[in-house]
Each structure stands twice: as structure tokens, then as C-alpha cells.
Amino acid sequence: MELLRIYVILCMSLRKIVGSNIRNNRKEKGWSQEKLAGKAKLTSDYVGSLERGQVNVSLDALERICKCLEITITELFIK
């Protein structure tokens, strides 16, 4: 049970780190959530939820986001 709790905490932390890095890179480009969503073929609600660390993201969505932001997936996991 303890391992499950640790896993949940780690996943929540990773979601927040990835979300924060998406937000920071988006803002560096001067883009709104709507602009990034349109370029990545996602909804702006989904992008907002990602940036807040509220949802898990698929690898396909991460790949599209990174391509739009011109960054590597690895950069999203750096605190």
C-alpha cells in the first residue's frame, strides 16, 4: 500500500513539472493556451489541464506539443 502511495505522489509531481515546463515554454513564445492548442491539435481546456498537472498526457500529445514549442520531450521533465 505504501508503494502505491509513493507512486501516486511521484506521478502527481511529474505531471506538475511537465505542466509547468509546457506553460513556461509556451509563455516564452508569447503564445496563449488557445494558440498552442490549435497548433498541437488539442483543445485549450486540455492544454490548461496539462499545465496545471491535472491530467495524464499521452506520448502523442507530448510529441505534438514539443514539436510546436521546438523543444525535446526530455526538456519537459527537467525541474
N, C-alpha and C. Protein backbone atom coordinates (compact mmCIF):
# COMPACT_ATOMS: atom_id res chain seq x y z
N MET A 1 0.82 -1.19 0.00
CA MET A 1 0.00 0.00 0.00
C MET A 1 0.86 1.26 0.00
N GLU A 2 1.95 1.23 0.74
CA GLU A 2 2.85 2.37 0.82
C GLU A 2 3.48 2.67 -0.55
N LEU A 3 3.86 1.61 -1.28
CA LEU A 3 4.45 1.80 -2.60
C LEU A 3 3.45 2.46 -3.55
N LEU A 4 2.20 2.09 -3.45
CA LEU A 4 1.18 2.70 -4.29
C LEU A 4 1.06 4.19 -3.98
N ARG A 5 1.09 4.54 -2.72
CA ARG A 5 1.02 5.95 -2.33
C ARG A 5 2.21 6.74 -2.86
N ILE A 6 3.40 6.17 -2.77
CA ILE A 6 4.62 6.82 -3.29
C ILE A 6 4.50 7.00 -4.80
N TYR A 7 4.00 5.97 -5.49
CA TYR A 7 3.82 6.05 -6.94
C TYR A 7 2.87 7.17 -7.31
N VAL A 8 1.77 7.29 -6.60
CA VAL A 8 0.79 8.34 -6.88
C VAL A 8 1.41 9.72 -6.67
N ILE A 9 2.18 9.88 -5.60
CA ILE A 9 2.83 11.16 -5.32
C ILE A 9 3.84 11.50 -6.42
N LEU A 10 4.62 10.51 -6.86
CA LEU A 10 5.60 10.75 -7.93
C LEU A 10 4.91 11.15 -9.23
N CYS A 11 3.81 10.47 -9.56
CA CYS A 11 3.08 10.80 -10.79
C CYS A 11 2.51 12.21 -10.71
N MET A 12 1.98 12.58 -9.57
CA MET A 12 1.44 13.92 -9.41
C MET A 12 2.55 14.96 -9.58
N SER A 13 3.71 14.67 -9.00
CA SER A 13 4.83 15.60 -9.10
C SER A 13 5.30 15.73 -10.54
N LEU A 14 5.39 14.61 -11.26
CA LEU A 14 5.81 14.65 -12.65
C LEU A 14 4.82 15.43 -13.51
N ARG A 15 3.53 15.22 -13.26
CA ARG A 15 2.52 15.97 -14.02
C ARG A 15 2.70 17.46 -13.81
N LYS A 16 2.98 17.87 -12.58
CA LYS A 16 3.15 19.30 -12.30
C LYS A 16 4.42 19.85 -12.94
N ILE A 17 5.50 19.07 -12.92
CA ILE A 17 6.75 19.50 -13.55
C ILE A 17 6.56 19.65 -15.05
N VAL A 18 5.97 18.64 -15.69
CA VAL A 18 5.74 18.69 -17.13
C VAL A 18 4.80 19.86 -17.47
N GLY A 19 3.74 20.01 -16.70
CA GLY A 19 2.79 21.09 -16.95
C GLY A 19 3.43 22.46 -16.82
N SER A 20 4.23 22.63 -15.80
CA SER A 20 4.91 23.90 -15.57
C SER A 20 5.87 24.21 -16.72
N ASN A 21 6.58 23.18 -17.19
CA ASN A 21 7.52 23.38 -18.30
C ASN A 21 6.79 23.68 -19.61
N ILE A 22 5.64 23.07 -19.83
CA ILE A 22 4.84 23.41 -21.01
C ILE A 22 4.43 24.87 -20.92
N ARG A 23 3.92 25.27 -19.76
CA ARG A 23 3.48 26.67 -19.58
C ARG A 23 4.64 27.65 -19.81
N ASN A 24 5.78 27.37 -19.19
CA ASN A 24 6.93 28.28 -19.32
C ASN A 24 7.39 28.41 -20.77
N ASN A 25 7.47 27.30 -21.47
CA ASN A 25 7.90 27.35 -22.87
C ASN A 25 6.85 28.03 -23.75
N ARG A 26 5.59 27.83 -23.46
CA ARG A 26 4.52 28.49 -24.21
C ARG A 26 4.59 29.99 -24.01
N LYS A 27 4.77 30.41 -22.76
CA LYS A 27 4.83 31.84 -22.46
C LYS A 27 6.08 32.50 -23.05
N GLU A 28 7.20 31.75 -23.12
CA GLU A 28 8.42 32.28 -23.74
C GLU A 28 8.17 32.64 -25.20
N LYS A 29 7.28 31.90 -25.84
CA LYS A 29 6.94 32.18 -27.24
C LYS A 29 5.86 33.26 -27.35
N GLY A 30 5.30 33.66 -26.20
CA GLY A 30 4.25 34.67 -26.22
C GLY A 30 2.91 34.13 -26.70
N TRP A 31 2.73 32.82 -26.57
CA TRP A 31 1.51 32.17 -27.04
C TRP A 31 0.48 32.01 -25.94
N SER A 32 -0.77 32.08 -26.32
CA SER A 32 -1.87 31.74 -25.42
C SER A 32 -2.05 30.22 -25.41
N GLN A 33 -2.81 29.72 -24.45
CA GLN A 33 -3.14 28.30 -24.44
C GLN A 33 -3.89 27.93 -25.71
N GLU A 34 -4.72 28.84 -26.17
CA GLU A 34 -5.51 28.59 -27.39
C GLU A 34 -4.61 28.43 -28.61
N LYS A 35 -3.57 29.25 -28.69
CA LYS A 35 -2.66 29.17 -29.84
C LYS A 35 -1.90 27.85 -29.83
N LEU A 36 -1.35 27.47 -28.67
CA LEU A 36 -0.65 26.20 -28.57
C LEU A 36 -1.59 25.05 -28.88
N ALA A 37 -2.79 25.10 -28.34
CA ALA A 37 -3.77 24.03 -28.57
C ALA A 37 -4.06 23.89 -30.06
N GLY A 38 -4.26 24.99 -30.75
CA GLY A 38 -4.54 24.95 -32.17
C GLY A 38 -3.40 24.35 -32.96
N LYS A 39 -2.18 24.77 -32.64
CA LYS A 39 -1.00 24.27 -33.36
C LYS A 39 -0.78 22.78 -33.09
N ALA A 40 -1.08 22.33 -31.86
CA ALA A 40 -0.85 20.93 -31.47
C ALA A 40 -2.08 20.06 -31.71
N LYS A 41 -3.15 20.64 -32.24
CA LYS A 41 -4.40 19.92 -32.49
C LYS A 41 -4.97 19.30 -31.21
N LEU A 42 -5.02 20.14 -30.16
CA LEU A 42 -5.59 19.78 -28.87
C LEU A 42 -6.61 20.85 -28.51
N THR A 43 -7.39 20.61 -27.46
CA THR A 43 -8.30 21.66 -27.00
C THR A 43 -7.58 22.55 -26.00
N SER A 44 -8.02 23.79 -25.90
CA SER A 44 -7.40 24.70 -24.94
C SER A 44 -7.69 24.26 -23.51
N ASP A 45 -8.84 23.64 -23.28
CA ASP A 45 -9.14 23.11 -21.94
C ASP A 45 -8.13 22.03 -21.55
N TYR A 46 -7.79 21.18 -22.51
CA TYR A 46 -6.83 20.11 -22.25
C TYR A 46 -5.45 20.69 -21.96
N VAL A 47 -5.03 21.68 -22.74
CA VAL A 47 -3.74 22.33 -22.51
C VAL A 47 -3.72 22.96 -21.12
N GLY A 48 -4.79 23.61 -20.73
CA GLY A 48 -4.88 24.21 -19.39
C GLY A 48 -4.77 23.16 -18.30
N SER A 49 -5.47 22.04 -18.49
CA SER A 49 -5.40 20.95 -17.51
C SER A 49 -4.00 20.36 -17.43
N LEU A 50 -3.33 20.24 -18.58
CA LEU A 50 -1.94 19.75 -18.59
C LEU A 50 -1.04 20.69 -17.83
N GLU A 51 -1.18 21.97 -18.10
CA GLU A 51 -0.32 22.95 -17.44
C GLU A 51 -0.53 22.99 -15.93
N ARG A 52 -1.71 22.67 -15.47
CA ARG A 52 -1.98 22.63 -14.03
C ARG A 52 -1.64 21.28 -13.42
N GLY A 53 -1.21 20.32 -14.24
CA GLY A 53 -0.85 18.99 -13.74
C GLY A 53 -2.04 18.18 -13.32
N GLN A 54 -3.20 18.43 -13.91
CA GLN A 54 -4.43 17.76 -13.50
C GLN A 54 -4.73 16.48 -14.28
N VAL A 55 -4.08 16.30 -15.43
CA VAL A 55 -4.37 15.12 -16.25
C VAL A 55 -3.06 14.47 -16.71
N ASN A 56 -3.17 13.18 -17.02
CA ASN A 56 -2.05 12.49 -17.64
C ASN A 56 -2.04 12.84 -19.13
N VAL A 57 -0.87 12.92 -19.69
CA VAL A 57 -0.74 13.28 -21.09
C VAL A 57 -0.25 12.07 -21.88
N SER A 58 -0.75 11.92 -23.08
CA SER A 58 -0.29 10.82 -23.94
C SER A 58 1.04 11.21 -24.58
N LEU A 59 1.78 10.20 -25.00
CA LEU A 59 3.04 10.46 -25.68
C LEU A 59 2.79 11.18 -27.01
N ASP A 60 1.69 10.85 -27.67
CA ASP A 60 1.35 11.53 -28.93
C ASP A 60 1.15 13.02 -28.70
N ALA A 61 0.42 13.37 -27.66
CA ALA A 61 0.17 14.79 -27.37
C ALA A 61 1.48 15.48 -26.97
N LEU A 62 2.31 14.81 -26.17
CA LEU A 62 3.60 15.40 -25.79
C LEU A 62 4.47 15.65 -27.01
N GLU A 63 4.46 14.71 -27.93
CA GLU A 63 5.26 14.86 -29.15
C GLU A 63 4.79 16.06 -29.96
N ARG A 64 3.48 16.24 -30.10
CA ARG A 64 2.95 17.37 -30.86
C ARG A 64 3.26 18.69 -30.16
N ILE A 65 3.11 18.72 -28.84
CA ILE A 65 3.39 19.94 -28.07
C ILE A 65 4.86 20.32 -28.23
N CYS A 66 5.75 19.34 -28.06
CA CYS A 66 7.18 19.61 -28.16
C CYS A 66 7.56 20.08 -29.56
N LYS A 67 6.96 19.50 -30.56
CA LYS A 67 7.25 19.93 -31.94
C LYS A 67 6.84 21.39 -32.12
N CYS A 68 5.67 21.75 -31.62
CA CYS A 68 5.20 23.14 -31.73
C CYS A 68 6.10 24.10 -30.97
N LEU A 69 6.52 23.70 -29.78
CA LEU A 69 7.35 24.56 -28.93
C LEU A 69 8.83 24.51 -29.30
N GLU A 70 9.17 23.61 -30.22
CA GLU A 70 10.56 23.43 -30.67
C GLU A 70 11.49 23.06 -29.51
N ILE A 71 11.03 22.08 -28.71
CA ILE A 71 11.82 21.56 -27.60
C ILE A 71 11.80 20.04 -27.66
N THR A 72 12.67 19.41 -26.88
CA THR A 72 12.66 17.95 -26.80
C THR A 72 11.76 17.51 -25.65
N ILE A 73 11.29 16.30 -25.74
CA ILE A 73 10.45 15.76 -24.66
C ILE A 73 11.23 15.76 -23.35
N THR A 74 12.51 15.48 -23.44
CA THR A 74 13.36 15.46 -22.23
C THR A 74 13.29 16.76 -21.47
N GLU A 75 13.23 17.87 -22.19
CA GLU A 75 13.20 19.19 -21.54
C GLU A 75 11.97 19.37 -20.67
N LEU A 76 10.91 18.65 -20.94
CA LEU A 76 9.68 18.79 -20.15
C LEU A 76 9.81 18.15 -18.77
N PHE A 77 10.77 17.24 -18.60
CA PHE A 77 10.89 16.52 -17.34
C PHE A 77 11.96 17.10 -16.42
N ILE A 78 12.60 18.18 -16.84
CA ILE A 78 13.64 18.81 -16.04
C ILE A 78 13.00 19.85 -15.13
N LYS A 79 13.27 19.73 -13.86
CA LYS A 79 12.66 20.63 -12.87
C LYS A 79 13.23 22.01 -12.96
